[in-house]
N, C-alpha and C. Protein backbone atom coordinates (compact mmCIF):
# COMPACT_ATOMS: atom_id res chain seq x y z
N MET A 1 100.23 -109.28 65.65
CA MET A 1 101.11 -108.91 66.74
C MET A 1 102.41 -109.72 66.67
N ALA A 2 102.25 -111.02 66.36
CA ALA A 2 103.43 -111.88 66.27
C ALA A 2 104.31 -111.47 65.09
N GLN A 3 103.67 -111.03 64.00
CA GLN A 3 104.45 -110.60 62.84
C GLN A 3 105.21 -109.31 63.15
N ASP A 4 104.59 -108.41 63.93
CA ASP A 4 105.28 -107.18 64.30
C ASP A 4 106.51 -107.50 65.15
N ASN A 5 106.35 -108.47 66.06
CA ASN A 5 107.50 -108.87 66.88
C ASN A 5 108.59 -109.50 66.01
N ALA A 6 108.18 -110.31 65.05
CA ALA A 6 109.15 -110.94 64.15
C ALA A 6 109.84 -109.89 63.29
N PHE A 7 109.07 -108.90 62.85
CA PHE A 7 109.64 -107.82 62.04
C PHE A 7 110.65 -107.02 62.87
N ASP A 8 110.26 -106.65 64.09
CA ASP A 8 111.19 -105.90 64.96
C ASP A 8 112.44 -106.71 65.25
N PHE A 9 112.26 -108.03 65.45
CA PHE A 9 113.41 -108.91 65.71
C PHE A 9 114.33 -108.94 64.49
N ALA A 10 113.75 -109.13 63.28
CA ALA A 10 114.54 -109.19 62.06
C ALA A 10 115.26 -107.87 61.82
N LEU A 11 114.58 -106.78 62.09
CA LEU A 11 115.16 -105.46 61.91
C LEU A 11 116.37 -105.27 62.83
N ALA A 12 116.21 -105.65 64.09
CA ALA A 12 117.30 -105.51 65.06
C ALA A 12 118.49 -106.39 64.70
N GLU A 13 118.20 -107.63 64.30
CA GLU A 13 119.28 -108.56 63.95
C GLU A 13 120.03 -108.11 62.69
N LEU A 14 119.28 -107.59 61.71
CA LEU A 14 119.94 -107.12 60.48
C LEU A 14 120.77 -105.87 60.74
N LYS A 15 120.36 -105.05 61.70
CA LYS A 15 121.17 -103.88 62.06
C LYS A 15 122.50 -104.32 62.68
N LYS A 16 122.44 -105.41 63.47
CA LYS A 16 123.65 -105.93 64.09
C LYS A 16 124.59 -106.53 63.05
N ASP A 17 124.00 -107.38 62.17
CA ASP A 17 124.81 -108.08 61.17
C ASP A 17 124.06 -108.07 59.84
N MET A 18 124.50 -107.20 58.92
CA MET A 18 123.81 -107.07 57.64
C MET A 18 124.00 -108.29 56.75
N ALA A 19 124.98 -109.10 57.03
CA ALA A 19 125.26 -110.28 56.21
C ALA A 19 124.43 -111.48 56.63
N SER A 20 123.58 -111.34 57.63
CA SER A 20 122.77 -112.47 58.10
C SER A 20 121.84 -112.95 56.99
N SER A 21 121.72 -114.27 56.89
CA SER A 21 120.83 -114.85 55.90
C SER A 21 119.48 -115.14 56.55
N PHE A 22 118.51 -115.45 55.73
CA PHE A 22 117.18 -115.77 56.23
C PHE A 22 117.22 -117.00 57.13
N ALA A 23 117.96 -118.01 56.72
CA ALA A 23 118.02 -119.25 57.50
C ALA A 23 118.59 -118.99 58.90
N GLU A 24 119.64 -118.17 58.97
CA GLU A 24 120.23 -117.86 60.29
C GLU A 24 119.24 -117.12 61.18
N LEU A 25 118.58 -116.15 60.60
CA LEU A 25 117.61 -115.38 61.39
C LEU A 25 116.41 -116.23 61.79
N LYS A 26 116.02 -117.15 60.93
CA LYS A 26 114.88 -118.01 61.24
C LYS A 26 115.21 -118.90 62.44
N GLU A 27 116.44 -119.42 62.50
CA GLU A 27 116.85 -120.24 63.65
C GLU A 27 116.86 -119.41 64.93
N LYS A 28 117.40 -118.19 64.86
CA LYS A 28 117.44 -117.33 66.04
C LYS A 28 116.02 -116.95 66.50
N ALA A 29 115.14 -116.71 65.50
CA ALA A 29 113.76 -116.36 65.84
C ALA A 29 113.05 -117.55 66.49
N ALA A 30 113.31 -118.76 66.00
CA ALA A 30 112.70 -119.95 66.58
C ALA A 30 113.15 -120.14 68.02
N ALA A 31 114.39 -119.81 68.33
CA ALA A 31 114.90 -119.90 69.70
C ALA A 31 114.15 -118.93 70.62
N LYS A 32 113.68 -117.81 70.07
CA LYS A 32 112.92 -116.84 70.86
C LYS A 32 111.41 -117.06 70.72
N LYS A 33 111.03 -118.21 70.11
CA LYS A 33 109.63 -118.60 69.90
C LYS A 33 108.88 -117.58 69.02
N LEU A 34 109.57 -117.12 67.98
CA LEU A 34 108.97 -116.25 66.97
C LEU A 34 108.99 -116.97 65.63
N LYS A 35 107.97 -116.74 64.85
CA LYS A 35 107.90 -117.35 63.52
C LYS A 35 108.29 -116.28 62.50
N LEU A 36 109.44 -116.45 61.86
CA LEU A 36 109.93 -115.50 60.88
C LEU A 36 109.59 -116.01 59.48
N GLU A 37 108.79 -115.24 58.76
CA GLU A 37 108.39 -115.58 57.39
C GLU A 37 109.34 -114.89 56.41
N PRO A 38 109.49 -115.44 55.21
CA PRO A 38 110.36 -114.80 54.22
C PRO A 38 109.93 -113.37 53.87
N LEU A 39 108.62 -113.14 53.86
CA LEU A 39 108.11 -111.82 53.54
C LEU A 39 108.51 -110.80 54.61
N VAL A 40 108.46 -111.22 55.87
CA VAL A 40 108.84 -110.34 56.97
C VAL A 40 110.33 -110.02 56.87
N PHE A 41 111.14 -111.04 56.55
CA PHE A 41 112.59 -110.85 56.37
C PHE A 41 112.86 -109.84 55.24
N ALA A 42 112.13 -109.98 54.13
CA ALA A 42 112.30 -109.08 52.98
C ALA A 42 111.89 -107.66 53.35
N ARG A 43 110.80 -107.50 54.11
CA ARG A 43 110.36 -106.17 54.54
C ARG A 43 111.41 -105.51 55.43
N ALA A 44 112.01 -106.29 56.30
CA ALA A 44 113.05 -105.74 57.19
C ALA A 44 114.27 -105.31 56.38
N LYS A 45 114.66 -106.10 55.40
CA LYS A 45 115.79 -105.73 54.54
C LYS A 45 115.47 -104.46 53.77
N ARG A 46 114.24 -104.37 53.26
CA ARG A 46 113.84 -103.20 52.50
C ARG A 46 113.81 -101.97 53.40
N ALA A 47 113.36 -102.14 54.64
CA ALA A 47 113.33 -101.01 55.57
C ALA A 47 114.73 -100.48 55.84
N LEU A 48 115.70 -101.36 55.84
CA LEU A 48 117.09 -100.94 56.05
C LEU A 48 117.79 -100.62 54.74
N ARG A 49 117.07 -100.77 53.63
CA ARG A 49 117.62 -100.53 52.29
C ARG A 49 118.82 -101.42 52.02
N LEU A 50 118.66 -102.67 52.32
CA LEU A 50 119.74 -103.62 52.09
C LEU A 50 119.55 -104.26 50.72
N GLY A 51 120.65 -104.42 49.99
CA GLY A 51 120.60 -105.09 48.71
C GLY A 51 120.77 -106.58 48.93
N SER A 52 121.22 -107.26 47.89
CA SER A 52 121.42 -108.71 48.02
C SER A 52 122.71 -109.03 48.76
N SER A 53 123.60 -108.05 48.90
CA SER A 53 124.85 -108.31 49.62
C SER A 53 125.15 -107.13 50.54
N PRO A 54 125.91 -107.34 51.58
CA PRO A 54 126.25 -106.25 52.50
C PRO A 54 127.00 -105.11 51.80
N LYS A 55 127.83 -105.46 50.81
CA LYS A 55 128.59 -104.45 50.09
C LYS A 55 127.65 -103.51 49.34
N GLN A 56 126.61 -104.09 48.67
CA GLN A 56 125.64 -103.27 47.96
C GLN A 56 124.88 -102.38 48.93
N ALA A 57 124.51 -102.91 50.09
CA ALA A 57 123.77 -102.14 51.08
C ALA A 57 124.60 -100.97 51.58
N ALA A 58 125.87 -101.21 51.85
CA ALA A 58 126.74 -100.14 52.34
C ALA A 58 126.89 -99.06 51.28
N THR A 59 127.05 -99.46 50.03
CA THR A 59 127.20 -98.50 48.94
C THR A 59 125.93 -97.68 48.78
N LYS A 60 124.78 -98.34 48.86
CA LYS A 60 123.51 -97.64 48.69
C LYS A 60 123.28 -96.66 49.83
N ASN A 61 123.61 -97.07 51.06
CA ASN A 61 123.44 -96.17 52.19
C ASN A 61 124.35 -94.95 52.06
N LYS A 62 125.58 -95.12 51.56
CA LYS A 62 126.49 -94.00 51.36
C LYS A 62 125.92 -93.03 50.32
N LYS A 63 125.37 -93.60 49.22
CA LYS A 63 124.79 -92.77 48.18
C LYS A 63 123.61 -91.98 48.74
N ASP A 64 122.75 -92.64 49.53
CA ASP A 64 121.60 -91.96 50.10
C ASP A 64 122.03 -90.81 51.00
N LYS A 65 123.07 -91.03 51.80
CA LYS A 65 123.54 -89.98 52.70
C LYS A 65 124.14 -88.82 51.91
N SER A 66 124.90 -89.12 50.85
CA SER A 66 125.50 -88.05 50.07
C SER A 66 124.44 -87.27 49.30
N MET A 67 123.40 -87.95 48.84
CA MET A 67 122.32 -87.28 48.13
C MET A 67 121.53 -86.39 49.08
N ALA A 68 121.37 -86.82 50.33
CA ALA A 68 120.64 -86.02 51.31
C ALA A 68 121.38 -84.72 51.58
N LYS A 69 122.71 -84.74 51.54
CA LYS A 69 123.48 -83.53 51.77
C LYS A 69 123.37 -82.58 50.59
N LYS A 70 123.28 -83.11 49.37
CA LYS A 70 123.28 -82.28 48.17
C LYS A 70 121.94 -81.63 47.89
N LYS A 71 120.83 -82.20 48.40
CA LYS A 71 119.51 -81.67 48.08
C LYS A 71 119.32 -80.31 48.75
N PRO A 72 118.93 -79.30 47.97
CA PRO A 72 118.67 -77.99 48.57
C PRO A 72 117.33 -78.01 49.30
N ALA A 73 117.21 -77.15 50.29
CA ALA A 73 115.96 -77.07 51.03
C ALA A 73 114.93 -76.39 50.15
N ARG A 74 113.75 -76.97 50.12
CA ARG A 74 112.67 -76.41 49.30
C ARG A 74 111.80 -75.51 50.14
N ALA A 75 111.30 -74.48 49.52
CA ALA A 75 110.35 -73.60 50.21
C ALA A 75 109.00 -74.30 50.26
N SER A 76 108.22 -73.99 51.27
CA SER A 76 106.93 -74.67 51.42
C SER A 76 105.97 -74.30 50.31
N ALA A 77 106.12 -73.11 49.71
CA ALA A 77 105.23 -72.69 48.64
C ALA A 77 105.44 -73.53 47.39
N THR A 78 106.69 -73.88 47.08
CA THR A 78 106.94 -74.68 45.87
C THR A 78 106.53 -76.13 46.07
N ALA A 79 106.53 -76.60 47.30
CA ALA A 79 106.13 -77.98 47.56
C ALA A 79 104.63 -78.14 47.37
N ALA A 80 103.87 -77.06 47.54
CA ALA A 80 102.42 -77.14 47.41
C ALA A 80 101.99 -77.24 45.95
N GLN A 81 102.74 -76.61 45.04
CA GLN A 81 102.36 -76.61 43.64
C GLN A 81 103.26 -77.56 42.85
N PRO A 82 102.66 -78.49 42.10
CA PRO A 82 103.49 -79.40 41.31
C PRO A 82 104.12 -78.67 40.14
N LYS A 83 105.28 -79.15 39.74
CA LYS A 83 106.00 -78.56 38.62
C LYS A 83 105.27 -78.86 37.33
N LYS A 84 105.10 -77.84 36.49
CA LYS A 84 104.43 -78.03 35.21
C LYS A 84 105.38 -78.73 34.26
N ARG A 85 104.84 -79.68 33.53
CA ARG A 85 105.67 -80.46 32.62
C ARG A 85 105.19 -80.29 31.19
N GLY A 86 106.06 -80.54 30.25
CA GLY A 86 105.70 -80.55 28.84
C GLY A 86 105.77 -79.18 28.19
N ARG A 87 105.36 -79.14 26.94
CA ARG A 87 105.39 -77.91 26.15
C ARG A 87 104.26 -76.99 26.60
N PRO A 88 104.50 -75.69 26.69
CA PRO A 88 103.43 -74.76 27.06
C PRO A 88 102.31 -74.81 26.04
N LYS A 89 101.09 -74.59 26.51
CA LYS A 89 99.93 -74.65 25.63
C LYS A 89 100.01 -73.56 24.58
N GLY A 90 99.76 -73.92 23.34
CA GLY A 90 99.78 -72.96 22.24
C GLY A 90 101.16 -72.69 21.67
N ALA A 91 102.18 -73.32 22.21
CA ALA A 91 103.54 -73.08 21.70
C ALA A 91 103.73 -73.83 20.37
N THR A 92 104.33 -73.16 19.42
CA THR A 92 104.62 -73.80 18.14
C THR A 92 106.10 -73.68 17.86
N VAL A 93 106.61 -74.66 17.18
CA VAL A 93 108.02 -74.68 16.81
C VAL A 93 108.10 -74.41 15.32
N GLU A 94 108.84 -73.39 14.95
CA GLU A 94 109.00 -73.06 13.54
C GLU A 94 109.71 -74.20 12.83
N GLY A 95 109.21 -74.55 11.67
CA GLY A 95 109.84 -75.61 10.88
C GLY A 95 109.37 -77.00 11.27
N SER A 96 108.47 -77.10 12.25
CA SER A 96 107.99 -78.42 12.64
C SER A 96 106.95 -78.91 11.64
N LYS A 97 106.67 -80.19 11.69
CA LYS A 97 105.68 -80.75 10.78
C LYS A 97 104.32 -80.10 11.00
N SER A 98 103.99 -79.87 12.28
CA SER A 98 102.69 -79.27 12.58
C SER A 98 102.55 -77.88 11.99
N SER A 99 103.60 -77.08 12.08
CA SER A 99 103.51 -75.73 11.51
C SER A 99 103.40 -75.79 9.99
N LYS A 100 104.12 -76.72 9.36
CA LYS A 100 104.02 -76.88 7.90
C LYS A 100 102.60 -77.31 7.52
N ILE A 101 102.02 -78.20 8.32
CA ILE A 101 100.65 -78.67 8.04
C ILE A 101 99.67 -77.51 8.16
N ARG A 102 99.83 -76.66 9.20
CA ARG A 102 98.93 -75.51 9.36
C ARG A 102 99.02 -74.57 8.16
N GLU A 103 100.24 -74.33 7.68
CA GLU A 103 100.43 -73.46 6.52
C GLU A 103 99.73 -74.03 5.29
N LEU A 104 99.88 -75.32 5.07
CA LEU A 104 99.28 -75.95 3.89
C LEU A 104 97.76 -76.04 4.03
N LEU A 105 97.26 -76.22 5.24
CA LEU A 105 95.81 -76.23 5.45
C LEU A 105 95.23 -74.87 5.13
N ALA A 106 95.97 -73.81 5.45
CA ALA A 106 95.50 -72.46 5.17
C ALA A 106 95.38 -72.19 3.67
N THR A 107 96.17 -72.90 2.86
CA THR A 107 96.08 -72.71 1.41
C THR A 107 94.90 -73.46 0.79
N GLY A 108 94.30 -74.37 1.56
CA GLY A 108 93.16 -75.11 1.05
C GLY A 108 93.52 -76.47 0.48
N MET A 109 94.75 -76.90 0.66
CA MET A 109 95.20 -78.20 0.16
C MET A 109 94.51 -79.32 0.94
N GLY A 110 94.27 -80.44 0.30
CA GLY A 110 93.62 -81.59 0.93
C GLY A 110 94.53 -82.30 1.91
N ALA A 111 93.91 -83.06 2.82
CA ALA A 111 94.65 -83.73 3.89
C ALA A 111 95.63 -84.77 3.37
N SER A 112 95.21 -85.59 2.40
CA SER A 112 96.12 -86.63 1.89
C SER A 112 97.30 -86.02 1.13
N ALA A 113 97.06 -84.94 0.41
CA ALA A 113 98.15 -84.27 -0.30
C ALA A 113 99.14 -83.65 0.69
N ILE A 114 98.61 -83.09 1.76
CA ILE A 114 99.48 -82.51 2.80
C ILE A 114 100.33 -83.60 3.43
N ALA A 115 99.71 -84.73 3.74
CA ALA A 115 100.44 -85.84 4.37
C ALA A 115 101.59 -86.31 3.48
N LYS A 116 101.35 -86.40 2.19
CA LYS A 116 102.40 -86.82 1.27
C LYS A 116 103.51 -85.78 1.16
N LYS A 117 103.11 -84.51 1.09
CA LYS A 117 104.09 -83.45 0.92
C LYS A 117 104.97 -83.27 2.16
N VAL A 118 104.36 -83.32 3.35
CA VAL A 118 105.11 -83.13 4.60
C VAL A 118 105.85 -84.39 5.00
N GLY A 119 105.31 -85.55 4.59
CA GLY A 119 105.94 -86.82 4.96
C GLY A 119 105.49 -87.28 6.34
N CYS A 120 104.19 -87.18 6.60
CA CYS A 120 103.65 -87.59 7.89
C CYS A 120 102.40 -88.43 7.65
N SER A 121 101.81 -88.88 8.73
CA SER A 121 100.60 -89.71 8.61
C SER A 121 99.38 -88.82 8.41
N LEU A 122 98.36 -89.40 7.84
CA LEU A 122 97.10 -88.70 7.63
C LEU A 122 96.47 -88.34 8.97
N ASN A 123 96.67 -89.21 9.97
CA ASN A 123 96.12 -88.93 11.30
C ASN A 123 96.69 -87.66 11.89
N LEU A 124 98.00 -87.40 11.67
CA LEU A 124 98.61 -86.18 12.19
C LEU A 124 98.00 -84.95 11.53
N VAL A 125 97.75 -85.04 10.24
CA VAL A 125 97.14 -83.91 9.53
C VAL A 125 95.77 -83.61 10.12
N TYR A 126 94.96 -84.65 10.34
CA TYR A 126 93.63 -84.44 10.90
C TYR A 126 93.70 -83.93 12.34
N ALA A 127 94.67 -84.39 13.10
CA ALA A 127 94.82 -83.92 14.49
C ALA A 127 95.19 -82.44 14.51
N VAL A 128 96.10 -82.03 13.63
CA VAL A 128 96.48 -80.61 13.57
C VAL A 128 95.30 -79.78 13.08
N LYS A 129 94.58 -80.30 12.12
CA LYS A 129 93.41 -79.60 11.60
C LYS A 129 92.37 -79.41 12.69
N ARG A 130 92.15 -80.45 13.49
CA ARG A 130 91.18 -80.38 14.58
C ARG A 130 91.65 -79.40 15.66
N SER A 131 92.93 -79.42 15.96
CA SER A 131 93.44 -78.53 17.01
C SER A 131 93.45 -77.07 16.58
N SER A 132 93.55 -76.82 15.27
CA SER A 132 93.54 -75.44 14.80
C SER A 132 92.14 -74.98 14.41
N LYS A 133 91.12 -75.73 14.80
CA LYS A 133 89.70 -75.37 14.63
C LYS A 133 89.33 -75.09 13.19
N GLY A 134 89.37 -76.10 12.40
CA GLY A 134 88.92 -75.99 11.02
C GLY A 134 90.05 -76.06 10.02
N GLY A 135 91.09 -75.31 10.22
CA GLY A 135 92.25 -75.40 9.38
C GLY A 135 92.15 -74.67 8.06
N ARG A 136 90.99 -74.09 7.71
CA ARG A 136 90.87 -73.37 6.44
C ARG A 136 90.71 -71.89 6.72
N SER A 137 91.32 -71.09 5.91
CA SER A 137 91.21 -69.64 6.08
C SER A 137 90.01 -69.12 5.30
N ALA A 138 89.70 -67.86 5.49
CA ALA A 138 88.59 -67.25 4.76
C ALA A 138 88.92 -67.14 3.27
N ALA A 139 90.20 -67.10 2.92
CA ALA A 139 90.62 -66.97 1.52
C ALA A 139 90.32 -68.23 0.73
N ALA A 140 90.28 -69.37 1.38
CA ALA A 140 90.04 -70.62 0.68
C ALA A 140 88.86 -71.36 1.31
N PRO A 141 87.62 -70.86 1.09
CA PRO A 141 86.47 -71.53 1.69
C PRO A 141 86.20 -72.86 1.01
N LYS A 142 85.61 -73.76 1.76
CA LYS A 142 85.31 -75.08 1.23
C LYS A 142 84.05 -75.00 0.38
N ALA A 143 84.10 -75.62 -0.78
CA ALA A 143 82.95 -75.62 -1.67
C ALA A 143 81.82 -76.42 -1.04
N THR A 144 80.59 -75.89 -1.10
CA THR A 144 79.44 -76.57 -0.52
C THR A 144 78.88 -77.55 -1.54
N THR A 145 78.72 -78.77 -1.10
CA THR A 145 78.13 -79.80 -1.96
C THR A 145 76.94 -80.41 -1.24
N ALA A 146 76.19 -81.21 -1.96
CA ALA A 146 75.04 -81.88 -1.34
C ALA A 146 75.51 -82.80 -0.22
N ARG A 147 76.65 -83.46 -0.42
CA ARG A 147 77.19 -84.37 0.60
C ARG A 147 77.58 -83.59 1.85
N ALA A 148 78.21 -82.42 1.68
CA ALA A 148 78.60 -81.59 2.82
C ALA A 148 77.37 -81.09 3.55
N THR A 149 76.33 -80.71 2.80
CA THR A 149 75.09 -80.24 3.42
C THR A 149 74.43 -81.37 4.19
N THR A 150 74.47 -82.58 3.64
CA THR A 150 73.89 -83.73 4.33
C THR A 150 74.64 -83.99 5.63
N ARG A 151 75.97 -83.91 5.58
CA ARG A 151 76.77 -84.09 6.81
C ARG A 151 76.42 -83.01 7.81
N ALA A 152 76.28 -81.77 7.34
CA ALA A 152 75.97 -80.68 8.24
C ALA A 152 74.59 -80.88 8.86
N SER A 153 73.64 -81.36 8.04
CA SER A 153 72.30 -81.58 8.58
C SER A 153 72.28 -82.72 9.58
N SER A 154 73.09 -83.77 9.33
CA SER A 154 73.13 -84.88 10.28
C SER A 154 73.82 -84.46 11.58
N THR A 155 74.80 -83.56 11.47
CA THR A 155 75.46 -83.06 12.67
C THR A 155 74.50 -82.17 13.45
N SER A 156 73.77 -81.32 12.72
CA SER A 156 72.85 -80.43 13.41
C SER A 156 71.64 -81.18 13.96
N ALA A 157 71.36 -82.37 13.42
CA ALA A 157 70.23 -83.16 13.92
C ALA A 157 70.42 -83.54 15.37
N ARG A 158 71.68 -83.66 15.77
CA ARG A 158 71.96 -83.98 17.17
C ARG A 158 71.53 -82.84 18.08
N ALA A 159 71.52 -81.63 17.57
CA ALA A 159 71.16 -80.48 18.38
C ALA A 159 69.66 -80.44 18.64
N GLY A 160 68.86 -81.14 17.88
CA GLY A 160 67.43 -81.16 18.12
C GLY A 160 66.64 -81.04 16.84
N LEU A 161 65.37 -80.92 17.01
CA LEU A 161 64.45 -80.86 15.88
C LEU A 161 64.67 -79.60 15.05
N ASP A 162 65.00 -78.49 15.68
CA ASP A 162 65.26 -77.26 14.95
C ASP A 162 66.44 -77.43 14.01
N GLY A 163 67.45 -78.15 14.45
CA GLY A 163 68.62 -78.40 13.62
C GLY A 163 68.26 -79.24 12.40
N VAL A 164 67.39 -80.22 12.59
CA VAL A 164 66.98 -81.08 11.47
C VAL A 164 66.20 -80.26 10.45
N LEU A 165 65.29 -79.42 10.94
CA LEU A 165 64.50 -78.59 10.02
C LEU A 165 65.39 -77.61 9.26
N ALA A 166 66.35 -77.02 9.94
CA ALA A 166 67.27 -76.09 9.27
C ALA A 166 68.07 -76.82 8.20
N GLY A 167 68.49 -78.03 8.49
CA GLY A 167 69.24 -78.81 7.50
C GLY A 167 68.40 -79.14 6.29
N LEU A 168 67.15 -79.51 6.51
CA LEU A 168 66.25 -79.82 5.39
C LEU A 168 65.99 -78.58 4.53
N ARG A 169 65.81 -77.43 5.18
CA ARG A 169 65.59 -76.19 4.43
C ARG A 169 66.82 -75.87 3.58
N ALA A 170 68.01 -76.06 4.15
CA ALA A 170 69.24 -75.79 3.40
C ALA A 170 69.36 -76.73 2.20
N MET A 171 69.01 -78.00 2.39
CA MET A 171 69.07 -78.95 1.28
C MET A 171 68.06 -78.59 0.19
N GLU A 172 66.87 -78.15 0.60
CA GLU A 172 65.85 -77.76 -0.38
C GLU A 172 66.30 -76.53 -1.16
N ALA A 173 66.92 -75.56 -0.48
CA ALA A 173 67.40 -74.36 -1.16
C ALA A 173 68.50 -74.72 -2.15
N GLU A 174 69.38 -75.63 -1.78
CA GLU A 174 70.44 -76.05 -2.68
C GLU A 174 69.86 -76.80 -3.89
N ARG A 175 68.86 -77.65 -3.64
CA ARG A 175 68.22 -78.39 -4.73
C ARG A 175 67.55 -77.43 -5.70
N ASN A 176 66.87 -76.40 -5.18
CA ASN A 176 66.23 -75.40 -6.06
C ASN A 176 67.27 -74.65 -6.88
N ALA A 177 68.40 -74.31 -6.25
CA ALA A 177 69.46 -73.61 -6.98
C ALA A 177 70.00 -74.49 -8.10
N LEU A 178 70.18 -75.78 -7.84
CA LEU A 178 70.67 -76.70 -8.87
C LEU A 178 69.65 -76.87 -9.99
N ARG A 179 68.35 -76.92 -9.66
CA ARG A 179 67.31 -77.02 -10.71
C ARG A 179 67.32 -75.79 -11.60
N ASP A 180 67.47 -74.60 -10.98
CA ASP A 180 67.53 -73.38 -11.77
C ASP A 180 68.73 -73.41 -12.72
N ALA A 181 69.87 -73.90 -12.20
CA ALA A 181 71.07 -73.97 -13.03
C ALA A 181 70.86 -74.93 -14.20
N VAL A 182 70.24 -76.08 -13.94
CA VAL A 182 69.99 -77.07 -14.99
C VAL A 182 69.03 -76.49 -16.04
N SER A 183 68.01 -75.78 -15.61
CA SER A 183 67.05 -75.20 -16.58
C SER A 183 67.73 -74.13 -17.44
N LYS A 184 68.63 -73.33 -16.86
CA LYS A 184 69.36 -72.32 -17.63
C LYS A 184 70.26 -72.99 -18.66
N ILE A 185 70.90 -74.08 -18.28
CA ILE A 185 71.76 -74.82 -19.21
C ILE A 185 70.94 -75.39 -20.35
N GLN A 186 69.73 -75.91 -20.03
CA GLN A 186 68.85 -76.45 -21.07
C GLN A 186 68.41 -75.35 -22.04
N GLN A 187 68.13 -74.15 -21.52
CA GLN A 187 67.72 -73.04 -22.39
C GLN A 187 68.85 -72.65 -23.33
N VAL A 188 70.09 -72.60 -22.81
CA VAL A 188 71.24 -72.24 -23.64
C VAL A 188 71.44 -73.30 -24.72
N LEU A 189 71.28 -74.58 -24.39
CA LEU A 189 71.45 -75.65 -25.36
C LEU A 189 70.34 -75.64 -26.42
N SER A 190 69.17 -75.27 -26.01
CA SER A 190 68.05 -75.27 -26.98
C SER A 190 68.22 -74.14 -28.00
N ARG A 191 68.90 -73.07 -27.63
CA ARG A 191 69.14 -71.95 -28.56
C ARG A 191 70.15 -72.31 -29.61
N LEU A 192 71.00 -73.25 -29.34
CA LEU A 192 72.03 -73.62 -30.30
C LEU A 192 71.55 -74.45 -31.39
């Protein structure tokens, strides 16, 4: 309660004389048996938008008044919805690094080669690849290797036991295909 009285006192005194210092107001407040703290004085100055000098305060108040006149009245409907910021979702800029990366990913080029050719970081290539959901077209499918199958099986293992079993079956099928290929190569070599 005493702070509110001190605040009201400081506010009234600063309205009378904007050039008043804290020491002057503290003496006047003491005469009225009020305790004026520096924080209360600062709050009162801020409430009146006073700067460090009366000249700055007058200039700032003039600017605020002129800005209030220039602001157009807003409709209540636009005040309810915040303004959308940034680039629209899915928008691409022709000739940008991202578009060049997408084009090169579609050809089947590797990430490090793309990064060198475009002149960007490897992280950007992977981010664009991730955002374009795979980054490879049907024309350039990725070759299946045992390592890729192992990665796929470890990823599918998270889905549950069925995923693990499917991964193991795929690895076994690939192993059988490789054994058949090796046996055919051995037969061709034995004929020579």
